[in-house]
């Protein structure tokens, strides 16, 4: 007799992708904080504290923003909120302070001192392994 396990396999893969994506997002957050420190982009610590993750079941944005603004006390404004994401299949890592984009991209008066793009490049090397590990684990659990 033939048993169709397609739905079970699909659910296991989807669960593994969600968990893997969240792991990649947290790895990127950690790497971005490390890059901020390594580049000496720390005055009050608000930028470092403002790095947030939005992913499946996780939304650090409001907490990170409140913490960063409380630490800064220099009139740091929050960054404009991004478009809401479908956290089932996406993750977002960013900063909650408005000057993060100026450090990352530079201005006509200041050269760029990127921290997020280099962090993403570093994590990209690990991302495939992280995703494979979580998908494999979910498939093994389902089997």
N, C-alpha and C. Protein backbone atom coordinates (compact mmCIF):
# COMPACT_ATOMS: atom_id res chain seq x y z
N UNK A 1 0.84 -1.17 0.00
CA UNK A 1 0.00 0.00 0.00
C UNK A 1 0.89 1.24 0.00
N UNK A 2 0.49 2.23 -0.75
CA UNK A 2 1.23 3.48 -0.87
C UNK A 2 0.73 4.48 0.16
N UNK A 3 1.66 5.08 0.90
CA UNK A 3 1.30 6.11 1.88
C UNK A 3 1.87 7.44 1.41
N UNK A 4 1.03 8.42 1.32
CA UNK A 4 1.44 9.75 0.89
C UNK A 4 1.87 10.56 2.11
N UNK A 5 3.16 10.82 2.23
CA UNK A 5 3.69 11.58 3.36
C UNK A 5 4.11 12.99 2.93
N UNK A 6 3.60 13.40 1.77
CA UNK A 6 3.99 14.72 1.25
C UNK A 6 3.67 15.83 2.23
N UNK A 7 2.46 15.83 2.79
CA UNK A 7 2.08 16.91 3.72
C UNK A 7 2.95 16.91 4.96
N UNK A 8 3.26 15.75 5.47
CA UNK A 8 4.12 15.65 6.64
C UNK A 8 5.52 16.19 6.33
N UNK A 9 6.05 15.82 5.17
CA UNK A 9 7.36 16.32 4.76
C UNK A 9 7.32 17.83 4.55
N UNK A 10 6.26 18.31 3.92
CA UNK A 10 6.11 19.74 3.67
C UNK A 10 6.10 20.52 4.98
N UNK A 11 5.33 20.04 5.95
CA UNK A 11 5.25 20.71 7.25
C UNK A 11 6.59 20.69 7.97
N UNK A 12 7.31 19.58 7.88
CA UNK A 12 8.62 19.49 8.52
C UNK A 12 9.61 20.46 7.89
N UNK A 13 9.61 20.53 6.57
CA UNK A 13 10.51 21.46 5.88
C UNK A 13 10.16 22.90 6.23
N UNK A 14 8.86 23.22 6.22
CA UNK A 14 8.43 24.58 6.55
C UNK A 14 8.84 24.95 7.98
N UNK A 15 8.67 24.03 8.92
CA UNK A 15 9.06 24.30 10.31
C UNK A 15 10.57 24.50 10.41
N UNK A 16 11.33 23.69 9.68
CA UNK A 16 12.79 23.83 9.70
C UNK A 16 13.24 25.15 9.10
N UNK A 17 12.59 25.57 8.02
CA UNK A 17 12.93 26.85 7.40
C UNK A 17 12.65 28.01 8.35
N UNK A 18 11.50 27.96 9.03
CA UNK A 18 11.16 29.03 9.99
C UNK A 18 12.19 29.11 11.11
N UNK A 19 12.55 27.95 11.66
CA UNK A 19 13.52 27.93 12.76
C UNK A 19 14.91 28.34 12.26
N UNK A 20 15.27 27.88 11.08
CA UNK A 20 16.57 28.25 10.52
C UNK A 20 16.66 29.73 10.21
N UNK A 21 15.59 30.28 9.67
CA UNK A 21 15.55 31.70 9.36
C UNK A 21 15.71 32.53 10.63
N UNK A 22 15.04 32.12 11.69
CA UNK A 22 15.17 32.82 12.96
C UNK A 22 16.61 32.74 13.48
N UNK A 23 17.23 31.57 13.35
CA UNK A 23 18.62 31.40 13.79
C UNK A 23 19.56 32.30 12.98
N UNK A 24 19.33 32.39 11.69
CA UNK A 24 20.15 33.26 10.84
C UNK A 24 19.96 34.72 11.25
N UNK A 25 18.73 35.12 11.54
CA UNK A 25 18.46 36.51 11.95
C UNK A 25 19.18 36.84 13.26
N UNK A 26 19.14 35.93 14.22
CA UNK A 26 19.83 36.19 15.48
C UNK A 26 21.35 36.18 15.30
N UNK A 27 21.85 35.35 14.41
CA UNK A 27 23.29 35.35 14.11
C UNK A 27 23.69 36.69 13.49
N UNK A 28 22.83 37.21 12.61
CA UNK A 28 23.10 38.51 11.99
C UNK A 28 23.05 39.63 13.03
N UNK A 29 22.10 39.57 13.94
CA UNK A 29 22.02 40.57 15.01
C UNK A 29 23.31 40.57 15.83
N UNK A 30 23.75 39.39 16.21
CA UNK A 30 24.97 39.26 17.01
C UNK A 30 26.18 39.79 16.25
N UNK A 31 26.28 39.45 14.97
CA UNK A 31 27.40 39.90 14.16
C UNK A 31 27.37 41.42 13.95
N UNK A 32 26.19 41.99 13.76
CA UNK A 32 26.07 43.45 13.58
C UNK A 32 26.52 44.17 14.85
N UNK A 33 26.14 43.67 16.00
CA UNK A 33 26.55 44.29 17.28
C UNK A 33 28.07 44.20 17.41
N UNK A 34 28.63 43.09 17.02
CA UNK A 34 30.09 42.94 17.07
C UNK A 34 30.78 43.92 16.13
N UNK A 35 30.23 44.08 14.92
CA UNK A 35 30.82 45.02 13.96
C UNK A 35 30.74 46.46 14.47
N UNK A 36 29.61 46.83 15.08
CA UNK A 36 29.46 48.18 15.64
C UNK A 36 30.55 48.43 16.66
N UNK A 37 30.80 47.47 17.51
CA UNK A 37 31.84 47.59 18.54
C UNK A 37 33.22 47.65 17.89
N UNK A 38 33.50 46.74 16.96
CA UNK A 38 34.82 46.68 16.32
C UNK A 38 35.15 47.97 15.56
N UNK A 39 34.12 48.59 14.96
CA UNK A 39 34.34 49.82 14.19
C UNK A 39 34.39 51.07 15.08
N UNK A 40 34.17 50.90 16.36
CA UNK A 40 34.20 52.05 17.28
C UNK A 40 33.01 52.98 17.10
N UNK A 41 31.86 52.44 16.71
CA UNK A 41 30.67 53.25 16.49
C UNK A 41 29.85 53.37 17.78
N UNK A 42 30.54 53.36 18.91
CA UNK A 42 29.87 53.38 20.20
C UNK A 42 30.18 54.70 20.90
N UNK A 43 29.14 55.48 21.11
CA UNK A 43 29.26 56.70 21.89
C UNK A 43 28.47 56.47 23.18
N UNK A 44 27.17 56.39 23.03
CA UNK A 44 26.30 56.13 24.19
C UNK A 44 25.94 54.65 24.29
N UNK A 45 26.12 53.92 23.21
CA UNK A 45 25.70 52.52 23.18
C UNK A 45 24.31 52.33 22.59
N UNK A 46 23.66 53.44 22.23
CA UNK A 46 22.28 53.36 21.72
C UNK A 46 22.20 52.57 20.41
N UNK A 47 23.16 52.79 19.51
CA UNK A 47 23.13 52.08 18.23
C UNK A 47 23.24 50.58 18.46
N UNK A 48 24.17 50.20 19.28
CA UNK A 48 24.37 48.78 19.57
C UNK A 48 23.13 48.17 20.21
N UNK A 49 22.52 48.90 21.12
CA UNK A 49 21.32 48.40 21.79
C UNK A 49 20.09 48.41 20.90
N UNK A 50 20.14 49.16 19.80
CA UNK A 50 18.95 49.28 18.96
C UNK A 50 18.85 48.21 17.89
N UNK A 51 19.84 47.34 17.76
CA UNK A 51 19.79 46.29 16.74
C UNK A 51 18.69 45.30 17.13
N UNK A 52 17.72 45.12 16.23
CA UNK A 52 16.56 44.29 16.55
C UNK A 52 16.37 43.17 15.54
N UNK A 53 15.57 42.20 15.96
CA UNK A 53 15.16 41.08 15.09
C UNK A 53 13.65 41.03 15.09
N UNK A 54 13.08 40.87 13.90
CA UNK A 54 11.67 40.52 13.73
C UNK A 54 11.66 39.21 12.94
N UNK A 55 11.09 38.20 13.54
CA UNK A 55 11.01 36.89 12.89
C UNK A 55 9.85 36.14 13.52
N UNK A 56 9.68 34.90 13.17
CA UNK A 56 8.58 34.08 13.65
C UNK A 56 8.47 34.14 15.18
N UNK A 57 7.42 34.80 15.66
CA UNK A 57 7.17 34.88 17.10
C UNK A 57 8.07 35.83 17.85
N UNK A 58 8.92 36.59 17.17
CA UNK A 58 9.86 37.49 17.83
C UNK A 58 9.70 38.88 17.24
N UNK A 59 9.49 39.87 18.09
CA UNK A 59 9.49 41.26 17.66
C UNK A 59 10.17 42.08 18.74
N UNK A 60 11.46 42.32 18.54
CA UNK A 60 12.25 43.06 19.52
C UNK A 60 12.23 44.56 19.27
N UNK A 61 11.61 44.99 18.19
CA UNK A 61 11.74 46.38 17.76
C UNK A 61 11.35 47.38 18.84
N UNK A 62 10.17 47.23 19.44
CA UNK A 62 9.72 48.20 20.44
C UNK A 62 10.61 48.21 21.68
N UNK A 63 11.00 47.02 22.13
CA UNK A 63 11.86 46.92 23.31
C UNK A 63 13.24 47.53 23.03
N UNK A 64 13.81 47.22 21.87
CA UNK A 64 15.13 47.73 21.54
C UNK A 64 15.09 49.25 21.36
N UNK A 65 14.03 49.76 20.77
CA UNK A 65 13.90 51.20 20.58
C UNK A 65 13.82 51.92 21.93
N UNK A 66 13.00 51.42 22.83
CA UNK A 66 12.87 52.06 24.15
C UNK A 66 14.20 52.04 24.89
N UNK A 67 14.89 50.92 24.83
CA UNK A 67 16.18 50.81 25.51
C UNK A 67 17.20 51.76 24.91
N UNK A 68 17.27 51.79 23.58
CA UNK A 68 18.25 52.64 22.91
C UNK A 68 17.99 54.11 23.20
N UNK A 69 16.74 54.53 23.16
CA UNK A 69 16.42 55.94 23.41
C UNK A 69 16.68 56.31 24.87
N UNK A 70 16.43 55.39 25.78
CA UNK A 70 16.69 55.66 27.18
C UNK A 70 18.19 55.83 27.42
N UNK A 71 19.00 55.05 26.73
CA UNK A 71 20.45 55.12 26.90
C UNK A 71 20.99 56.38 26.24
N UNK A 72 20.49 56.71 25.06
CA UNK A 72 21.04 57.83 24.29
C UNK A 72 20.82 59.16 24.99
N UNK A 73 19.59 59.45 25.33
CA UNK A 73 19.22 60.72 25.97
C UNK A 73 19.86 61.92 25.30
N UNK A 74 20.16 61.79 24.02
CA UNK A 74 20.76 62.89 23.26
C UNK A 74 19.84 63.31 22.13
N UNK A 75 18.57 62.99 22.27
CA UNK A 75 17.63 63.36 21.22
C UNK A 75 17.66 62.43 20.03
N UNK A 76 18.19 61.23 20.20
CA UNK A 76 18.18 60.28 19.09
C UNK A 76 16.74 59.96 18.75
N UNK A 77 16.40 60.09 17.51
CA UNK A 77 15.04 59.83 17.07
C UNK A 77 14.93 58.40 16.59
N UNK A 78 13.76 57.81 16.76
CA UNK A 78 13.58 56.46 16.24
C UNK A 78 13.57 56.47 14.72
N UNK A 79 14.04 55.40 14.14
CA UNK A 79 13.96 55.26 12.69
C UNK A 79 12.50 55.07 12.31
N UNK A 80 12.17 55.46 11.11
CA UNK A 80 10.80 55.28 10.65
C UNK A 80 10.49 53.78 10.62
N UNK A 81 9.32 53.40 11.09
CA UNK A 81 9.00 51.98 11.08
C UNK A 81 8.92 51.46 9.65
N UNK A 82 9.41 50.26 9.46
CA UNK A 82 9.34 49.64 8.15
C UNK A 82 7.97 49.04 7.91
N UNK A 83 7.75 48.62 6.70
CA UNK A 83 6.50 47.94 6.36
C UNK A 83 6.42 46.65 7.17
N UNK A 84 5.27 46.35 7.73
CA UNK A 84 5.14 45.10 8.49
C UNK A 84 5.52 43.91 7.62
N UNK A 85 6.12 42.92 8.24
CA UNK A 85 6.54 41.75 7.47
C UNK A 85 5.69 40.55 7.84
N UNK A 86 5.62 39.61 6.92
CA UNK A 86 4.98 38.33 7.19
C UNK A 86 6.04 37.47 7.86
N UNK A 87 5.98 37.40 9.18
CA UNK A 87 7.04 36.72 9.92
C UNK A 87 7.02 35.22 9.74
N UNK A 88 6.06 34.69 9.01
CA UNK A 88 6.07 33.26 8.71
C UNK A 88 7.21 32.91 7.76
N UNK A 89 7.53 33.79 6.85
CA UNK A 89 8.50 33.46 5.82
C UNK A 89 9.61 34.51 5.67
N UNK A 90 9.63 35.48 6.55
CA UNK A 90 10.63 36.53 6.46
C UNK A 90 11.20 36.82 7.84
N UNK A 91 12.36 37.45 7.83
CA UNK A 91 12.93 37.95 9.07
C UNK A 91 13.55 39.30 8.74
N UNK A 92 13.62 40.15 9.71
CA UNK A 92 14.20 41.48 9.51
C UNK A 92 15.17 41.74 10.66
N UNK A 93 16.32 42.25 10.30
CA UNK A 93 17.30 42.70 11.29
C UNK A 93 17.60 44.14 10.92
N UNK A 94 17.53 45.02 11.87
CA UNK A 94 17.79 46.43 11.60
C UNK A 94 18.14 47.17 12.86
N UNK A 95 18.17 48.48 12.75
CA UNK A 95 18.43 49.33 13.91
C UNK A 95 17.27 50.29 14.10
N UNK A 96 17.03 50.65 15.33
CA UNK A 96 15.89 51.50 15.66
C UNK A 96 16.23 52.98 15.76
N UNK A 97 17.48 53.34 15.66
CA UNK A 97 17.82 54.76 15.76
C UNK A 97 17.99 55.32 14.36
N UNK A 98 17.59 56.58 14.20
CA UNK A 98 17.55 57.17 12.87
C UNK A 98 18.92 57.37 12.23
N UNK A 99 19.98 57.47 13.01
CA UNK A 99 21.29 57.74 12.42
C UNK A 99 22.01 56.47 11.95
N UNK A 100 21.41 55.30 12.20
CA UNK A 100 22.02 54.06 11.74
C UNK A 100 22.23 54.04 10.24
N UNK A 101 21.27 54.54 9.49
CA UNK A 101 21.38 54.55 8.03
C UNK A 101 22.52 55.46 7.56
N UNK A 102 22.76 56.56 8.28
CA UNK A 102 23.84 57.48 7.90
C UNK A 102 25.21 56.85 8.14
N UNK A 103 25.32 56.07 9.21
CA UNK A 103 26.58 55.36 9.46
C UNK A 103 26.77 54.27 8.40
N UNK A 104 25.72 53.55 8.09
CA UNK A 104 25.81 52.46 7.14
C UNK A 104 26.11 52.95 5.72
N UNK A 105 25.43 54.00 5.30
CA UNK A 105 25.53 54.45 3.91
C UNK A 105 26.42 55.67 3.71
N UNK A 106 26.67 56.42 4.78
CA UNK A 106 27.43 57.66 4.65
C UNK A 106 26.54 58.82 4.21
N UNK A 107 27.09 60.00 4.22
CA UNK A 107 26.39 61.20 3.75
C UNK A 107 27.38 62.01 2.91
N UNK A 108 26.95 63.15 2.43
CA UNK A 108 27.87 64.01 1.68
C UNK A 108 28.95 64.57 2.61
N UNK A 109 28.70 64.57 3.91
CA UNK A 109 29.64 65.12 4.89
C UNK A 109 30.42 64.06 5.65
N UNK A 110 30.06 62.79 5.46
CA UNK A 110 30.67 61.74 6.27
C UNK A 110 30.76 60.46 5.44
N UNK A 111 31.93 59.84 5.45
CA UNK A 111 32.03 58.57 4.71
C UNK A 111 31.23 57.46 5.39
N UNK A 112 30.86 56.48 4.62
CA UNK A 112 30.12 55.34 5.17
C UNK A 112 31.01 54.55 6.12
N UNK A 113 30.39 54.07 7.18
CA UNK A 113 31.05 53.15 8.12
C UNK A 113 30.11 51.97 8.31
N UNK A 114 29.97 51.15 7.26
CA UNK A 114 28.97 50.09 7.28
C UNK A 114 29.24 49.03 8.35
N UNK A 115 28.18 48.60 8.97
CA UNK A 115 28.25 47.54 9.97
C UNK A 115 27.25 46.42 9.65
N UNK A 116 26.12 46.76 9.07
CA UNK A 116 25.09 45.76 8.80
C UNK A 116 25.41 44.93 7.55
N UNK A 117 25.81 45.58 6.47
CA UNK A 117 26.14 44.84 5.25
C UNK A 117 27.32 43.89 5.46
N UNK A 118 28.41 44.33 6.10
CA UNK A 118 29.50 43.38 6.36
C UNK A 118 29.08 42.24 7.29
N UNK A 119 28.20 42.54 8.24
CA UNK A 119 27.69 41.49 9.13
C UNK A 119 26.88 40.49 8.32
N UNK A 120 26.06 40.98 7.40
CA UNK A 120 25.25 40.09 6.55
C UNK A 120 26.14 39.22 5.68
N UNK A 121 27.20 39.79 5.17
CA UNK A 121 28.14 39.02 4.36
C UNK A 121 28.77 37.89 5.18
N UNK A 122 29.19 38.21 6.40
CA UNK A 122 29.79 37.21 7.28
C UNK A 122 28.80 36.10 7.61
N UNK A 123 27.57 36.47 7.95
CA UNK A 123 26.56 35.49 8.32
C UNK A 123 26.11 34.68 7.11
N UNK A 124 26.14 35.27 5.93
CA UNK A 124 25.74 34.56 4.72
C UNK A 124 26.54 33.27 4.54
N UNK A 125 27.80 33.31 4.94
CA UNK A 125 28.65 32.13 4.83
C UNK A 125 28.11 31.00 5.72
N UNK A 126 27.54 31.35 6.88
CA UNK A 126 27.02 30.37 7.82
C UNK A 126 25.55 30.02 7.58
N UNK A 127 24.84 30.85 6.84
CA UNK A 127 23.39 30.72 6.71
C UNK A 127 22.95 29.39 6.11
N UNK A 128 23.62 28.95 5.07
CA UNK A 128 23.23 27.70 4.42
C UNK A 128 23.36 26.54 5.40
N UNK A 129 24.43 26.52 6.17
CA UNK A 129 24.63 25.45 7.16
C UNK A 129 23.55 25.51 8.24
N UNK A 130 23.25 26.71 8.72
CA UNK A 130 22.21 26.86 9.74
C UNK A 130 20.86 26.36 9.22
N UNK A 131 20.50 26.80 8.03
CA UNK A 131 19.22 26.39 7.46
C UNK A 131 19.17 24.87 7.28
N UNK A 132 20.22 24.29 6.74
CA UNK A 132 20.26 22.84 6.52
C UNK A 132 20.14 22.08 7.84
N UNK A 133 20.80 22.59 8.87
CA UNK A 133 20.75 21.91 10.16
C UNK A 133 19.33 21.88 10.72
N UNK A 134 18.63 23.03 10.64
CA UNK A 134 17.27 23.08 11.19
C UNK A 134 16.28 22.29 10.35
N UNK A 135 16.39 22.35 9.04
CA UNK A 135 15.48 21.59 8.17
C UNK A 135 15.71 20.09 8.38
N UNK A 136 16.97 19.68 8.44
CA UNK A 136 17.27 18.27 8.66
C UNK A 136 16.72 17.78 9.99
N UNK A 137 16.86 18.59 11.03
CA UNK A 137 16.36 18.20 12.35
C UNK A 137 14.84 18.03 12.34
N UNK A 138 14.13 18.93 11.67
CA UNK A 138 12.67 18.82 11.60
C UNK A 138 12.24 17.60 10.78
N UNK A 139 12.96 17.30 9.71
CA UNK A 139 12.63 16.13 8.91
C UNK A 139 12.85 14.85 9.72
N UNK A 140 13.96 14.80 10.48
CA UNK A 140 14.22 13.64 11.31
C UNK A 140 13.14 13.47 12.38
N UNK A 141 12.68 14.58 12.97
CA UNK A 141 11.62 14.50 13.97
C UNK A 141 10.33 13.97 13.36
N UNK A 142 10.05 14.35 12.13
CA UNK A 142 8.80 13.95 11.48
C UNK A 142 8.83 12.49 11.00
N UNK A 143 10.01 11.97 10.79
CA UNK A 143 10.13 10.61 10.22
C UNK A 143 9.76 9.54 11.22
